[in-house]
N, C-alpha and C. Protein backbone atom coordinates (compact mmCIF):
# COMPACT_ATOMS: atom_id res chain seq x y z
N MET A 1 -93.54 -6.44 8.59
CA MET A 1 -92.20 -5.90 8.62
C MET A 1 -91.31 -6.78 9.48
N ARG A 2 -91.86 -7.14 10.67
CA ARG A 2 -91.10 -7.99 11.57
C ARG A 2 -90.84 -9.33 10.92
N ARG A 3 -91.83 -9.86 10.24
CA ARG A 3 -91.68 -11.15 9.56
C ARG A 3 -90.59 -11.07 8.48
N THR A 4 -90.54 -9.99 7.73
CA THR A 4 -89.51 -9.78 6.71
C THR A 4 -88.14 -9.71 7.36
N PHE A 5 -88.07 -8.97 8.48
CA PHE A 5 -86.80 -8.85 9.18
C PHE A 5 -86.33 -10.23 9.67
N LEU A 6 -87.24 -11.02 10.26
CA LEU A 6 -86.88 -12.36 10.76
C LEU A 6 -86.47 -13.26 9.60
N SER A 7 -87.16 -13.13 8.50
CA SER A 7 -86.82 -13.94 7.33
C SER A 7 -85.40 -13.62 6.86
N TRP A 8 -85.10 -12.33 6.74
CA TRP A 8 -83.75 -11.93 6.32
C TRP A 8 -82.71 -12.33 7.37
N ALA A 9 -83.05 -12.21 8.62
CA ALA A 9 -82.12 -12.58 9.70
C ALA A 9 -81.82 -14.08 9.66
N LEU A 10 -82.83 -14.89 9.40
CA LEU A 10 -82.62 -16.34 9.30
C LEU A 10 -81.74 -16.68 8.10
N TRP A 11 -82.01 -16.01 6.97
CA TRP A 11 -81.16 -16.24 5.79
C TRP A 11 -79.73 -15.81 6.07
N GLY A 12 -79.55 -14.70 6.77
CA GLY A 12 -78.21 -14.23 7.12
C GLY A 12 -77.51 -15.20 8.04
N LEU A 13 -78.23 -15.70 9.03
CA LEU A 13 -77.66 -16.70 9.95
C LEU A 13 -77.30 -17.97 9.21
N PHE A 14 -78.18 -18.39 8.32
CA PHE A 14 -77.91 -19.58 7.50
C PHE A 14 -76.64 -19.38 6.66
N ALA A 15 -76.54 -18.19 6.04
CA ALA A 15 -75.37 -17.90 5.20
C ALA A 15 -74.09 -17.89 6.03
N LEU A 16 -74.15 -17.30 7.22
CA LEU A 16 -72.98 -17.27 8.09
C LEU A 16 -72.59 -18.67 8.55
N THR A 17 -73.56 -19.53 8.71
CA THR A 17 -73.30 -20.89 9.17
C THR A 17 -72.65 -21.74 8.08
N ILE A 18 -73.15 -21.63 6.86
CA ILE A 18 -72.62 -22.51 5.81
C ILE A 18 -71.46 -21.91 5.04
N SER A 19 -71.27 -20.60 5.07
CA SER A 19 -70.19 -20.01 4.28
C SER A 19 -68.82 -20.54 4.67
N PRO A 20 -68.52 -20.78 5.96
CA PRO A 20 -67.21 -21.37 6.26
C PRO A 20 -67.02 -22.74 5.62
N LEU A 21 -68.11 -23.49 5.48
CA LEU A 21 -68.00 -24.81 4.84
C LEU A 21 -67.62 -24.65 3.37
N PHE A 22 -68.24 -23.69 2.68
CA PHE A 22 -67.91 -23.45 1.27
C PHE A 22 -66.48 -22.93 1.12
N ILE A 23 -66.10 -22.03 2.02
CA ILE A 23 -64.74 -21.49 1.96
C ILE A 23 -63.74 -22.61 2.20
N ALA A 24 -63.99 -23.45 3.20
CA ALA A 24 -63.07 -24.56 3.49
C ALA A 24 -62.99 -25.52 2.31
N ARG A 25 -64.13 -25.83 1.70
CA ARG A 25 -64.13 -26.71 0.53
C ARG A 25 -63.39 -26.09 -0.63
N SER A 26 -63.61 -24.80 -0.83
CA SER A 26 -62.93 -24.10 -1.91
C SER A 26 -61.43 -24.11 -1.69
N GLN A 27 -60.99 -23.86 -0.47
CA GLN A 27 -59.56 -23.87 -0.17
C GLN A 27 -59.01 -25.28 -0.33
N GLU A 28 -59.77 -26.28 0.09
CA GLU A 28 -59.32 -27.67 -0.04
C GLU A 28 -59.15 -28.04 -1.50
N SER A 29 -60.10 -27.63 -2.34
CA SER A 29 -60.00 -27.99 -3.75
C SER A 29 -58.83 -27.26 -4.41
N HIS A 30 -58.50 -26.06 -3.93
CA HIS A 30 -57.37 -25.34 -4.50
C HIS A 30 -56.05 -25.86 -3.95
N SER A 31 -56.02 -26.31 -2.69
CA SER A 31 -54.77 -26.76 -2.11
C SER A 31 -54.43 -28.19 -2.56
N LYS A 32 -55.43 -28.99 -2.86
CA LYS A 32 -55.16 -30.36 -3.27
C LYS A 32 -54.29 -30.44 -4.53
N PRO A 33 -54.61 -29.70 -5.60
CA PRO A 33 -53.72 -29.75 -6.76
C PRO A 33 -52.30 -29.30 -6.43
N LYS A 34 -52.15 -28.31 -5.55
CA LYS A 34 -50.81 -27.86 -5.17
C LYS A 34 -50.07 -29.00 -4.46
N ASN A 35 -50.76 -29.69 -3.55
CA ASN A 35 -50.14 -30.82 -2.86
C ASN A 35 -49.81 -31.93 -3.84
N GLU A 36 -50.72 -32.20 -4.76
CA GLU A 36 -50.49 -33.24 -5.75
C GLU A 36 -49.37 -32.83 -6.70
N GLU A 37 -49.33 -31.57 -7.08
CA GLU A 37 -48.25 -31.10 -7.95
C GLU A 37 -46.90 -31.24 -7.24
N SER A 38 -46.88 -30.95 -5.97
CA SER A 38 -45.64 -31.10 -5.19
C SER A 38 -45.21 -32.57 -5.14
N ALA A 39 -46.16 -33.46 -4.97
CA ALA A 39 -45.86 -34.90 -4.94
C ALA A 39 -45.33 -35.36 -6.31
N ILE A 40 -45.90 -34.84 -7.38
CA ILE A 40 -45.46 -35.19 -8.73
C ILE A 40 -44.05 -34.65 -8.97
N ARG A 41 -43.81 -33.42 -8.57
CA ARG A 41 -42.46 -32.85 -8.73
C ARG A 41 -41.43 -33.66 -7.94
N SER A 42 -41.80 -34.13 -6.78
CA SER A 42 -40.91 -34.96 -5.98
C SER A 42 -40.62 -36.29 -6.68
N LEU A 43 -41.67 -36.92 -7.22
CA LEU A 43 -41.49 -38.16 -7.97
C LEU A 43 -40.55 -37.94 -9.15
N MET A 44 -40.78 -36.87 -9.90
CA MET A 44 -39.95 -36.62 -11.08
C MET A 44 -38.50 -36.30 -10.68
N SER A 45 -38.32 -35.63 -9.57
CA SER A 45 -36.97 -35.37 -9.06
C SER A 45 -36.26 -36.68 -8.71
N ASP A 46 -36.99 -37.59 -8.05
CA ASP A 46 -36.43 -38.91 -7.74
C ASP A 46 -36.12 -39.68 -9.01
N TRP A 47 -37.01 -39.57 -10.00
CA TRP A 47 -36.81 -40.27 -11.26
C TRP A 47 -35.54 -39.77 -11.95
N ILE A 48 -35.36 -38.45 -12.01
CA ILE A 48 -34.18 -37.86 -12.65
C ILE A 48 -32.91 -38.26 -11.90
N THR A 49 -32.94 -38.20 -10.57
CA THR A 49 -31.78 -38.60 -9.77
C THR A 49 -31.44 -40.06 -10.03
N SER A 50 -32.44 -40.91 -10.07
CA SER A 50 -32.20 -42.34 -10.34
C SER A 50 -31.62 -42.54 -11.73
N TYR A 51 -32.12 -41.79 -12.70
CA TYR A 51 -31.59 -41.87 -14.06
C TYR A 51 -30.13 -41.41 -14.07
N ASN A 52 -29.86 -40.27 -13.47
CA ASN A 52 -28.50 -39.73 -13.45
C ASN A 52 -27.52 -40.64 -12.72
N ASP A 53 -28.01 -41.35 -11.69
CA ASP A 53 -27.17 -42.28 -10.94
C ASP A 53 -27.07 -43.65 -11.62
N LEU A 54 -27.75 -43.80 -12.76
CA LEU A 54 -27.80 -45.07 -13.50
C LEU A 54 -28.28 -46.21 -12.59
N ASP A 55 -29.29 -45.90 -11.77
CA ASP A 55 -29.82 -46.83 -10.78
C ASP A 55 -31.11 -47.48 -11.29
N ALA A 56 -30.95 -48.60 -11.98
CA ALA A 56 -32.09 -49.27 -12.62
C ALA A 56 -33.12 -49.74 -11.60
N LYS A 57 -32.67 -50.24 -10.47
CA LYS A 57 -33.58 -50.76 -9.46
C LYS A 57 -34.48 -49.65 -8.90
N ARG A 58 -33.87 -48.53 -8.56
CA ARG A 58 -34.64 -47.39 -8.02
C ARG A 58 -35.56 -46.81 -9.09
N LEU A 59 -35.08 -46.72 -10.31
CA LEU A 59 -35.90 -46.18 -11.38
C LEU A 59 -37.14 -47.05 -11.62
N ALA A 60 -36.93 -48.34 -11.67
CA ALA A 60 -38.06 -49.26 -11.88
C ALA A 60 -39.06 -49.18 -10.73
N ALA A 61 -38.58 -48.91 -9.53
CA ALA A 61 -39.48 -48.80 -8.37
C ALA A 61 -40.37 -47.56 -8.46
N LEU A 62 -39.98 -46.58 -9.25
CA LEU A 62 -40.77 -45.35 -9.41
C LEU A 62 -41.80 -45.48 -10.53
N GLU A 63 -41.80 -46.61 -11.20
CA GLU A 63 -42.72 -46.85 -12.31
C GLU A 63 -43.66 -48.00 -11.97
N VAL A 64 -44.82 -48.02 -12.60
CA VAL A 64 -45.70 -49.16 -12.44
C VAL A 64 -45.00 -50.37 -13.08
N PRO A 65 -45.26 -51.57 -12.60
CA PRO A 65 -44.55 -52.75 -13.13
C PRO A 65 -44.68 -52.95 -14.64
N ASN A 66 -45.82 -52.59 -15.21
CA ASN A 66 -46.03 -52.77 -16.65
C ASN A 66 -45.97 -51.44 -17.39
N VAL A 67 -45.01 -50.60 -17.01
CA VAL A 67 -44.84 -49.29 -17.64
C VAL A 67 -44.66 -49.46 -19.16
N GLU A 68 -45.11 -48.47 -19.89
CA GLU A 68 -44.93 -48.47 -21.35
C GLU A 68 -43.91 -47.39 -21.67
N VAL A 69 -42.86 -47.76 -22.41
CA VAL A 69 -41.79 -46.82 -22.75
C VAL A 69 -41.57 -46.83 -24.25
N VAL A 70 -41.55 -45.63 -24.83
CA VAL A 70 -41.13 -45.48 -26.22
C VAL A 70 -39.80 -44.73 -26.16
N ASP A 71 -38.72 -45.39 -26.61
CA ASP A 71 -37.38 -44.81 -26.49
C ASP A 71 -37.13 -43.76 -27.57
N ARG A 72 -35.92 -43.19 -27.55
CA ARG A 72 -35.60 -42.09 -28.48
C ARG A 72 -35.53 -42.53 -29.93
N PHE A 73 -35.54 -43.85 -30.16
CA PHE A 73 -35.53 -44.38 -31.53
C PHE A 73 -36.93 -44.74 -32.01
N GLY A 74 -37.93 -44.54 -31.13
CA GLY A 74 -39.31 -44.84 -31.48
C GLY A 74 -39.71 -46.27 -31.20
N ASP A 75 -38.84 -47.03 -30.52
CA ASP A 75 -39.15 -48.43 -30.20
C ASP A 75 -39.99 -48.51 -28.94
N LEU A 76 -41.05 -49.32 -29.00
CA LEU A 76 -41.94 -49.52 -27.86
C LEU A 76 -41.41 -50.65 -26.99
N HIS A 77 -41.37 -50.40 -25.68
CA HIS A 77 -40.97 -51.42 -24.70
C HIS A 77 -42.12 -51.55 -23.70
N GLN A 78 -42.57 -52.79 -23.49
CA GLN A 78 -43.65 -53.06 -22.56
C GLN A 78 -43.25 -54.19 -21.62
N PRO A 79 -42.47 -53.87 -20.59
CA PRO A 79 -42.10 -54.93 -19.65
C PRO A 79 -43.34 -55.48 -18.95
N THR A 80 -43.27 -56.74 -18.58
CA THR A 80 -44.44 -57.39 -17.98
C THR A 80 -44.34 -57.52 -16.46
N GLY A 81 -43.41 -56.82 -15.87
CA GLY A 81 -43.29 -56.83 -14.42
C GLY A 81 -42.09 -56.02 -13.98
N ARG A 82 -41.97 -55.83 -12.68
CA ARG A 82 -40.90 -55.00 -12.14
C ARG A 82 -39.52 -55.53 -12.50
N THR A 83 -39.32 -56.87 -12.46
CA THR A 83 -38.02 -57.45 -12.78
C THR A 83 -37.64 -57.17 -14.23
N GLU A 84 -38.60 -57.34 -15.14
CA GLU A 84 -38.33 -57.09 -16.55
C GLU A 84 -38.11 -55.59 -16.80
N ASN A 85 -38.84 -54.75 -16.09
CA ASN A 85 -38.66 -53.31 -16.21
C ASN A 85 -37.25 -52.91 -15.72
N GLU A 86 -36.84 -53.46 -14.59
CA GLU A 86 -35.51 -53.18 -14.06
C GLU A 86 -34.43 -53.63 -15.06
N LYS A 87 -34.64 -54.77 -15.70
CA LYS A 87 -33.68 -55.27 -16.69
C LYS A 87 -33.61 -54.33 -17.90
N LEU A 88 -34.75 -53.81 -18.31
CA LEU A 88 -34.77 -52.84 -19.41
C LEU A 88 -33.86 -51.66 -19.09
N TRP A 89 -33.99 -51.10 -17.89
CA TRP A 89 -33.15 -49.96 -17.49
C TRP A 89 -31.70 -50.40 -17.28
N SER A 90 -31.51 -51.56 -16.70
CA SER A 90 -30.15 -52.05 -16.47
C SER A 90 -29.40 -52.24 -17.79
N ASP A 91 -30.07 -52.81 -18.78
CA ASP A 91 -29.46 -52.99 -20.11
C ASP A 91 -29.11 -51.63 -20.73
N THR A 92 -29.98 -50.66 -20.53
CA THR A 92 -29.73 -49.31 -21.04
C THR A 92 -28.51 -48.71 -20.35
N PHE A 93 -28.46 -48.82 -19.03
CA PHE A 93 -27.38 -48.21 -18.26
C PHE A 93 -26.05 -48.93 -18.43
N ASP A 94 -26.08 -50.20 -18.83
CA ASP A 94 -24.83 -50.95 -19.03
C ASP A 94 -23.95 -50.34 -20.12
N VAL A 95 -24.54 -49.64 -21.07
CA VAL A 95 -23.76 -49.06 -22.17
C VAL A 95 -23.39 -47.59 -21.93
N ILE A 96 -23.93 -46.99 -20.85
CA ILE A 96 -23.62 -45.59 -20.54
C ILE A 96 -22.49 -45.54 -19.52
N SER A 97 -21.46 -44.76 -19.83
CA SER A 97 -20.34 -44.59 -18.92
C SER A 97 -20.79 -43.83 -17.67
N PRO A 98 -20.38 -44.28 -16.48
CA PRO A 98 -20.74 -43.57 -15.25
C PRO A 98 -20.18 -42.13 -15.21
N SER A 99 -19.18 -41.84 -16.05
CA SER A 99 -18.62 -40.48 -16.06
C SER A 99 -19.36 -39.53 -17.00
N THR A 100 -20.47 -40.00 -17.59
CA THR A 100 -21.30 -39.13 -18.43
C THR A 100 -21.87 -37.99 -17.59
N LYS A 101 -21.78 -36.79 -18.13
CA LYS A 101 -22.37 -35.64 -17.43
C LYS A 101 -23.89 -35.76 -17.46
N PRO A 102 -24.55 -35.50 -16.31
CA PRO A 102 -26.02 -35.57 -16.28
C PRO A 102 -26.63 -34.51 -17.19
N PRO A 103 -27.77 -34.82 -17.76
CA PRO A 103 -28.44 -33.82 -18.61
C PRO A 103 -29.06 -32.72 -17.75
N LYS A 104 -29.27 -31.60 -18.38
CA LYS A 104 -30.03 -30.52 -17.75
C LYS A 104 -31.50 -30.81 -18.02
N THR A 105 -32.32 -30.78 -16.98
CA THR A 105 -33.73 -31.12 -17.14
C THR A 105 -34.61 -30.01 -16.59
N SER A 106 -35.80 -29.93 -17.11
CA SER A 106 -36.80 -29.01 -16.54
C SER A 106 -38.19 -29.57 -16.81
N ILE A 107 -39.04 -29.36 -15.83
CA ILE A 107 -40.45 -29.72 -16.01
C ILE A 107 -41.12 -28.53 -16.68
N ASP A 108 -41.61 -28.75 -17.89
CA ASP A 108 -42.23 -27.68 -18.66
C ASP A 108 -43.69 -27.48 -18.31
N HIS A 109 -44.36 -28.59 -18.00
CA HIS A 109 -45.81 -28.50 -17.79
C HIS A 109 -46.31 -29.74 -17.05
N ILE A 110 -47.25 -29.53 -16.16
CA ILE A 110 -47.97 -30.63 -15.50
C ILE A 110 -49.45 -30.38 -15.74
N ARG A 111 -50.13 -31.40 -16.22
CA ARG A 111 -51.57 -31.28 -16.47
C ARG A 111 -52.28 -32.45 -15.81
N PHE A 112 -53.26 -32.14 -14.99
CA PHE A 112 -54.06 -33.18 -14.35
C PHE A 112 -55.22 -33.56 -15.26
N LEU A 113 -55.33 -34.84 -15.59
CA LEU A 113 -56.44 -35.33 -16.41
C LEU A 113 -57.58 -35.83 -15.53
N GLY A 114 -57.30 -36.00 -14.27
CA GLY A 114 -58.25 -36.46 -13.27
C GLY A 114 -57.54 -36.47 -11.94
N PRO A 115 -58.20 -36.87 -10.88
CA PRO A 115 -57.56 -36.85 -9.56
C PRO A 115 -56.39 -37.84 -9.43
N ASP A 116 -56.39 -38.87 -10.28
CA ASP A 116 -55.36 -39.91 -10.18
C ASP A 116 -54.54 -40.08 -11.45
N VAL A 117 -54.64 -39.12 -12.38
CA VAL A 117 -53.89 -39.21 -13.63
C VAL A 117 -53.34 -37.82 -13.98
N ALA A 118 -52.06 -37.78 -14.31
CA ALA A 118 -51.44 -36.52 -14.71
C ALA A 118 -50.46 -36.78 -15.85
N VAL A 119 -50.23 -35.74 -16.65
CA VAL A 119 -49.26 -35.79 -17.73
C VAL A 119 -48.19 -34.74 -17.42
N VAL A 120 -46.94 -35.15 -17.54
CA VAL A 120 -45.82 -34.25 -17.29
C VAL A 120 -44.99 -34.16 -18.57
N GLN A 121 -44.71 -32.93 -18.97
CA GLN A 121 -43.82 -32.71 -20.11
C GLN A 121 -42.50 -32.17 -19.56
N MET A 122 -41.40 -32.82 -19.95
CA MET A 122 -40.08 -32.41 -19.49
C MET A 122 -39.16 -32.16 -20.67
N SER A 123 -38.23 -31.22 -20.49
CA SER A 123 -37.18 -30.97 -21.47
C SER A 123 -35.87 -31.53 -20.91
N TRP A 124 -35.13 -32.18 -21.78
CA TRP A 124 -33.82 -32.73 -21.43
C TRP A 124 -32.81 -32.15 -22.40
N GLN A 125 -31.67 -31.73 -21.87
CA GLN A 125 -30.60 -31.25 -22.72
C GLN A 125 -29.31 -31.97 -22.34
N PHE A 126 -28.85 -32.80 -23.27
CA PHE A 126 -27.60 -33.54 -23.09
C PHE A 126 -26.51 -32.71 -23.77
N ALA A 127 -26.07 -31.64 -23.10
CA ALA A 127 -25.14 -30.67 -23.69
C ALA A 127 -23.80 -31.29 -24.07
N SER A 128 -23.39 -32.32 -23.36
CA SER A 128 -22.12 -33.00 -23.66
C SER A 128 -22.35 -34.33 -24.36
N GLY A 129 -23.58 -34.61 -24.70
CA GLY A 129 -23.90 -35.90 -25.28
C GLY A 129 -23.87 -36.97 -24.21
N ILE A 130 -23.70 -38.21 -24.62
CA ILE A 130 -23.62 -39.32 -23.68
C ILE A 130 -22.37 -40.12 -24.00
N LEU A 131 -21.50 -40.26 -23.01
CA LEU A 131 -20.30 -41.07 -23.16
C LEU A 131 -20.68 -42.53 -22.94
N LEU A 132 -20.31 -43.39 -23.86
CA LEU A 132 -20.64 -44.81 -23.76
C LEU A 132 -19.46 -45.59 -23.17
N THR A 133 -19.72 -46.77 -22.65
CA THR A 133 -18.68 -47.57 -22.00
C THR A 133 -17.59 -48.01 -22.97
N ASP A 134 -17.91 -48.07 -24.26
CA ASP A 134 -16.88 -48.47 -25.24
C ASP A 134 -16.01 -47.29 -25.67
N GLY A 135 -16.23 -46.11 -25.07
CA GLY A 135 -15.42 -44.93 -25.38
C GLY A 135 -16.02 -44.02 -26.43
N SER A 136 -17.01 -44.49 -27.16
CA SER A 136 -17.66 -43.63 -28.16
C SER A 136 -18.64 -42.68 -27.45
N ARG A 137 -19.12 -41.72 -28.20
CA ARG A 137 -20.00 -40.72 -27.60
C ARG A 137 -21.20 -40.45 -28.50
N ILE A 138 -22.38 -40.39 -27.90
CA ILE A 138 -23.56 -39.90 -28.61
C ILE A 138 -23.44 -38.38 -28.58
N PRO A 139 -23.50 -37.72 -29.73
CA PRO A 139 -23.30 -36.26 -29.76
C PRO A 139 -24.36 -35.51 -28.95
N PRO A 140 -24.08 -34.27 -28.59
CA PRO A 140 -25.06 -33.46 -27.83
C PRO A 140 -26.42 -33.42 -28.54
N TYR A 141 -27.47 -33.46 -27.75
CA TYR A 141 -28.83 -33.37 -28.28
C TYR A 141 -29.77 -32.96 -27.16
N SER A 142 -30.98 -32.63 -27.53
CA SER A 142 -32.02 -32.35 -26.55
C SER A 142 -33.29 -33.06 -26.99
N GLN A 143 -34.19 -33.23 -26.01
CA GLN A 143 -35.42 -33.97 -26.30
C GLN A 143 -36.52 -33.52 -25.35
N ILE A 144 -37.73 -33.83 -25.73
CA ILE A 144 -38.91 -33.63 -24.89
C ILE A 144 -39.40 -35.02 -24.49
N ASP A 145 -39.67 -35.21 -23.20
CA ASP A 145 -40.23 -36.47 -22.70
C ASP A 145 -41.62 -36.19 -22.15
N ILE A 146 -42.53 -37.10 -22.42
CA ILE A 146 -43.88 -37.04 -21.88
C ILE A 146 -44.04 -38.23 -20.94
N PHE A 147 -44.44 -37.94 -19.71
CA PHE A 147 -44.68 -38.97 -18.70
C PHE A 147 -46.17 -38.97 -18.37
N VAL A 148 -46.77 -40.14 -18.36
CA VAL A 148 -48.13 -40.29 -17.87
C VAL A 148 -48.01 -40.90 -16.48
N LEU A 149 -48.57 -40.22 -15.49
CA LEU A 149 -48.47 -40.66 -14.10
C LEU A 149 -49.83 -41.10 -13.59
N THR A 150 -49.82 -42.12 -12.77
CA THR A 150 -51.05 -42.56 -12.12
C THR A 150 -50.81 -42.60 -10.62
N LYS A 151 -51.90 -42.39 -9.89
CA LYS A 151 -51.83 -42.41 -8.44
C LYS A 151 -52.62 -43.60 -7.94
N SER A 152 -51.96 -44.41 -7.12
CA SER A 152 -52.60 -45.57 -6.53
C SER A 152 -52.15 -45.67 -5.08
N GLN A 153 -53.09 -45.84 -4.19
CA GLN A 153 -52.79 -45.93 -2.76
C GLN A 153 -51.96 -44.74 -2.31
N SER A 154 -52.36 -43.55 -2.73
CA SER A 154 -51.78 -42.25 -2.40
C SER A 154 -50.34 -42.05 -2.87
N GLU A 155 -49.87 -42.86 -3.82
CA GLU A 155 -48.53 -42.68 -4.36
C GLU A 155 -48.59 -42.56 -5.88
N TRP A 156 -47.86 -41.57 -6.40
CA TRP A 156 -47.77 -41.38 -7.84
C TRP A 156 -46.66 -42.26 -8.39
N ARG A 157 -46.90 -42.84 -9.59
CA ARG A 157 -45.92 -43.67 -10.29
C ARG A 157 -46.00 -43.35 -11.78
N VAL A 158 -44.89 -43.59 -12.47
CA VAL A 158 -44.84 -43.41 -13.92
C VAL A 158 -45.50 -44.62 -14.57
N ALA A 159 -46.54 -44.37 -15.36
CA ALA A 159 -47.24 -45.45 -16.06
C ALA A 159 -46.82 -45.54 -17.52
N ALA A 160 -46.36 -44.43 -18.07
CA ALA A 160 -45.90 -44.42 -19.46
C ALA A 160 -44.88 -43.30 -19.62
N HIS A 161 -43.94 -43.54 -20.53
CA HIS A 161 -42.85 -42.58 -20.76
C HIS A 161 -42.56 -42.58 -22.27
N TYR A 162 -42.80 -41.43 -22.89
CA TYR A 162 -42.62 -41.30 -24.33
C TYR A 162 -41.55 -40.25 -24.60
N ILE A 163 -40.51 -40.62 -25.32
CA ILE A 163 -39.44 -39.70 -25.67
C ILE A 163 -39.72 -39.17 -27.08
N LEU A 164 -39.83 -37.85 -27.18
CA LEU A 164 -40.16 -37.21 -28.44
C LEU A 164 -38.97 -36.39 -28.93
N GLY A 165 -39.05 -35.92 -30.13
CA GLY A 165 -38.02 -35.02 -30.67
C GLY A 165 -38.09 -33.66 -29.99
N LYS A 166 -37.08 -32.86 -30.19
CA LYS A 166 -36.99 -31.55 -29.54
C LYS A 166 -38.15 -30.63 -29.90
N LYS A 167 -38.62 -30.66 -31.11
CA LYS A 167 -39.66 -29.72 -31.52
C LYS A 167 -41.06 -30.19 -31.14
N ALA A 168 -41.19 -31.44 -30.75
CA ALA A 168 -42.50 -31.97 -30.39
C ALA A 168 -42.90 -31.46 -29.00
N SER A 169 -44.18 -31.28 -28.80
CA SER A 169 -44.68 -30.84 -27.50
C SER A 169 -46.18 -31.10 -27.48
N LEU A 170 -46.67 -31.46 -26.30
CA LEU A 170 -48.11 -31.65 -26.16
C LEU A 170 -48.81 -30.37 -25.70
N PHE A 171 -48.05 -29.46 -25.10
CA PHE A 171 -48.68 -28.28 -24.49
C PHE A 171 -48.18 -27.01 -25.13
């Protein structure tokens, strides 16, 4: 009887000793995605601000140098470095009037594919369209954008950006 009691007491002591480790690990695994999601939301907020400010240099800095972009016309762009990526955005922004109203945006979904890879689906609504520098206007429209993000040296960056039609969605 005493031996049974000691056996159970040892198991109880063992459980009390290791349970905080499991609880801490469990909390860490649950808090890490929240921290990572917060970092991704911050990156996307910076990306949207840079886009709205027509700031090609800042936008390119938020992307990996060899980012892959499929524009709203379905054309693939694969710059081979940060300078070429910045030029891609600069050329795009050269035709957009600075007085264009910013689009309404929302993050629809974030999905982690691994600890260093995430997919973000965003909705964009250009309620006033886009005013161009030549005075013409792209009519109002909305779109879904898919961003593939990678994390390197504890920083998230946009690795790919695909612009889809309004009805398209990955999630």
